């Protein structure tokens, strides 16, 4: 399995009261999805505590809450403590990890097609059987419709020189394209490439990858977070954080929705993680590193980037930045 650059984060940054010493205590050093919290209050001054209520990320929970139907990642745990006609609030930062080890998936190449070697691929997606691609680099970024079998460009729009193109996705005949650091995205008519509107990002750090499930948009920003967007107003409704059973997966890049899961490239890695969109848990990994040896070797050759699922063929198309080939593959759990 390729290196995921996991970052392990211990559970339990305390914010205990300096005056009373009150603090939230856990019975474990790390928390997995499905665990029970078993919360208690440390009370070194033996205060007469009459009531304690807890909240996890603003939602009321019990002291024996089971961590289910919840997303992974960093959470804020708050306790409101009542004692001697007084009330005090203490907090604790916790991290919830996934409760499964990711499965390893193997791939098989079923077809190889030509790909524009000058394309710094950032986004790749099929829509109604047609392949669309977004490319990056300042003064070179493009939006394209491509004949995947021949590599011929059927439609092309050049971005302004000050925009660095990133991911794309298509929903209800609207094509959504991200740019990198400008905190701005574009919406086009997929049939004409007419620009319909421009939108700004919210809390998300940058624009990297984007996909959709037929109703909602999912956007990566180069961190472990995937933001959930309303496709009508492009408002960020929240986010999930992508974790394994050991730590978070940073640098999430190109995204693709495949049969209810989010497939994601990791920047500077030649592999893909398979993510549960409800929790953020990594359920599988695919190592595509050998593909890089099958393309033309040149100075501008860069990493794998670009995932497109073909629902009719039930295959996945992958390529990379400045690769001269597009690979059609099937995957199977090892």
Foldseek 3Di string as FASTA:
>chain_A
DDDLPFDFDWFKDWFADPVFRKTKDFPDGAAEQFAWGQIDIDGVPPFAWDDKWKDKQRHTDDNGGTRYLAAWFKIKIKMWIDTPNDIDIIIIIGTYFYDDAAFEKEKDFPDKAFAFLQFQWAEWEDDPNWIWTWGFDAPATKTFIADRRHNDTPDIDDDHRVWTWHYWEDEPQWIKTFTWQVQKIWIARNVPRHTDDMDGADPAHTFFEWYDDRAWIWTHRQFQWIFIAGVVRRYTPGIHGAHENGGGRGGWGYWYDDPQWIWTDHPQAQKIFTARRSHNYTHHIYHPVVVLVVFDDDDQDGHKHYWYADVVVRWIWTDRGSTGMITTMHMDGD
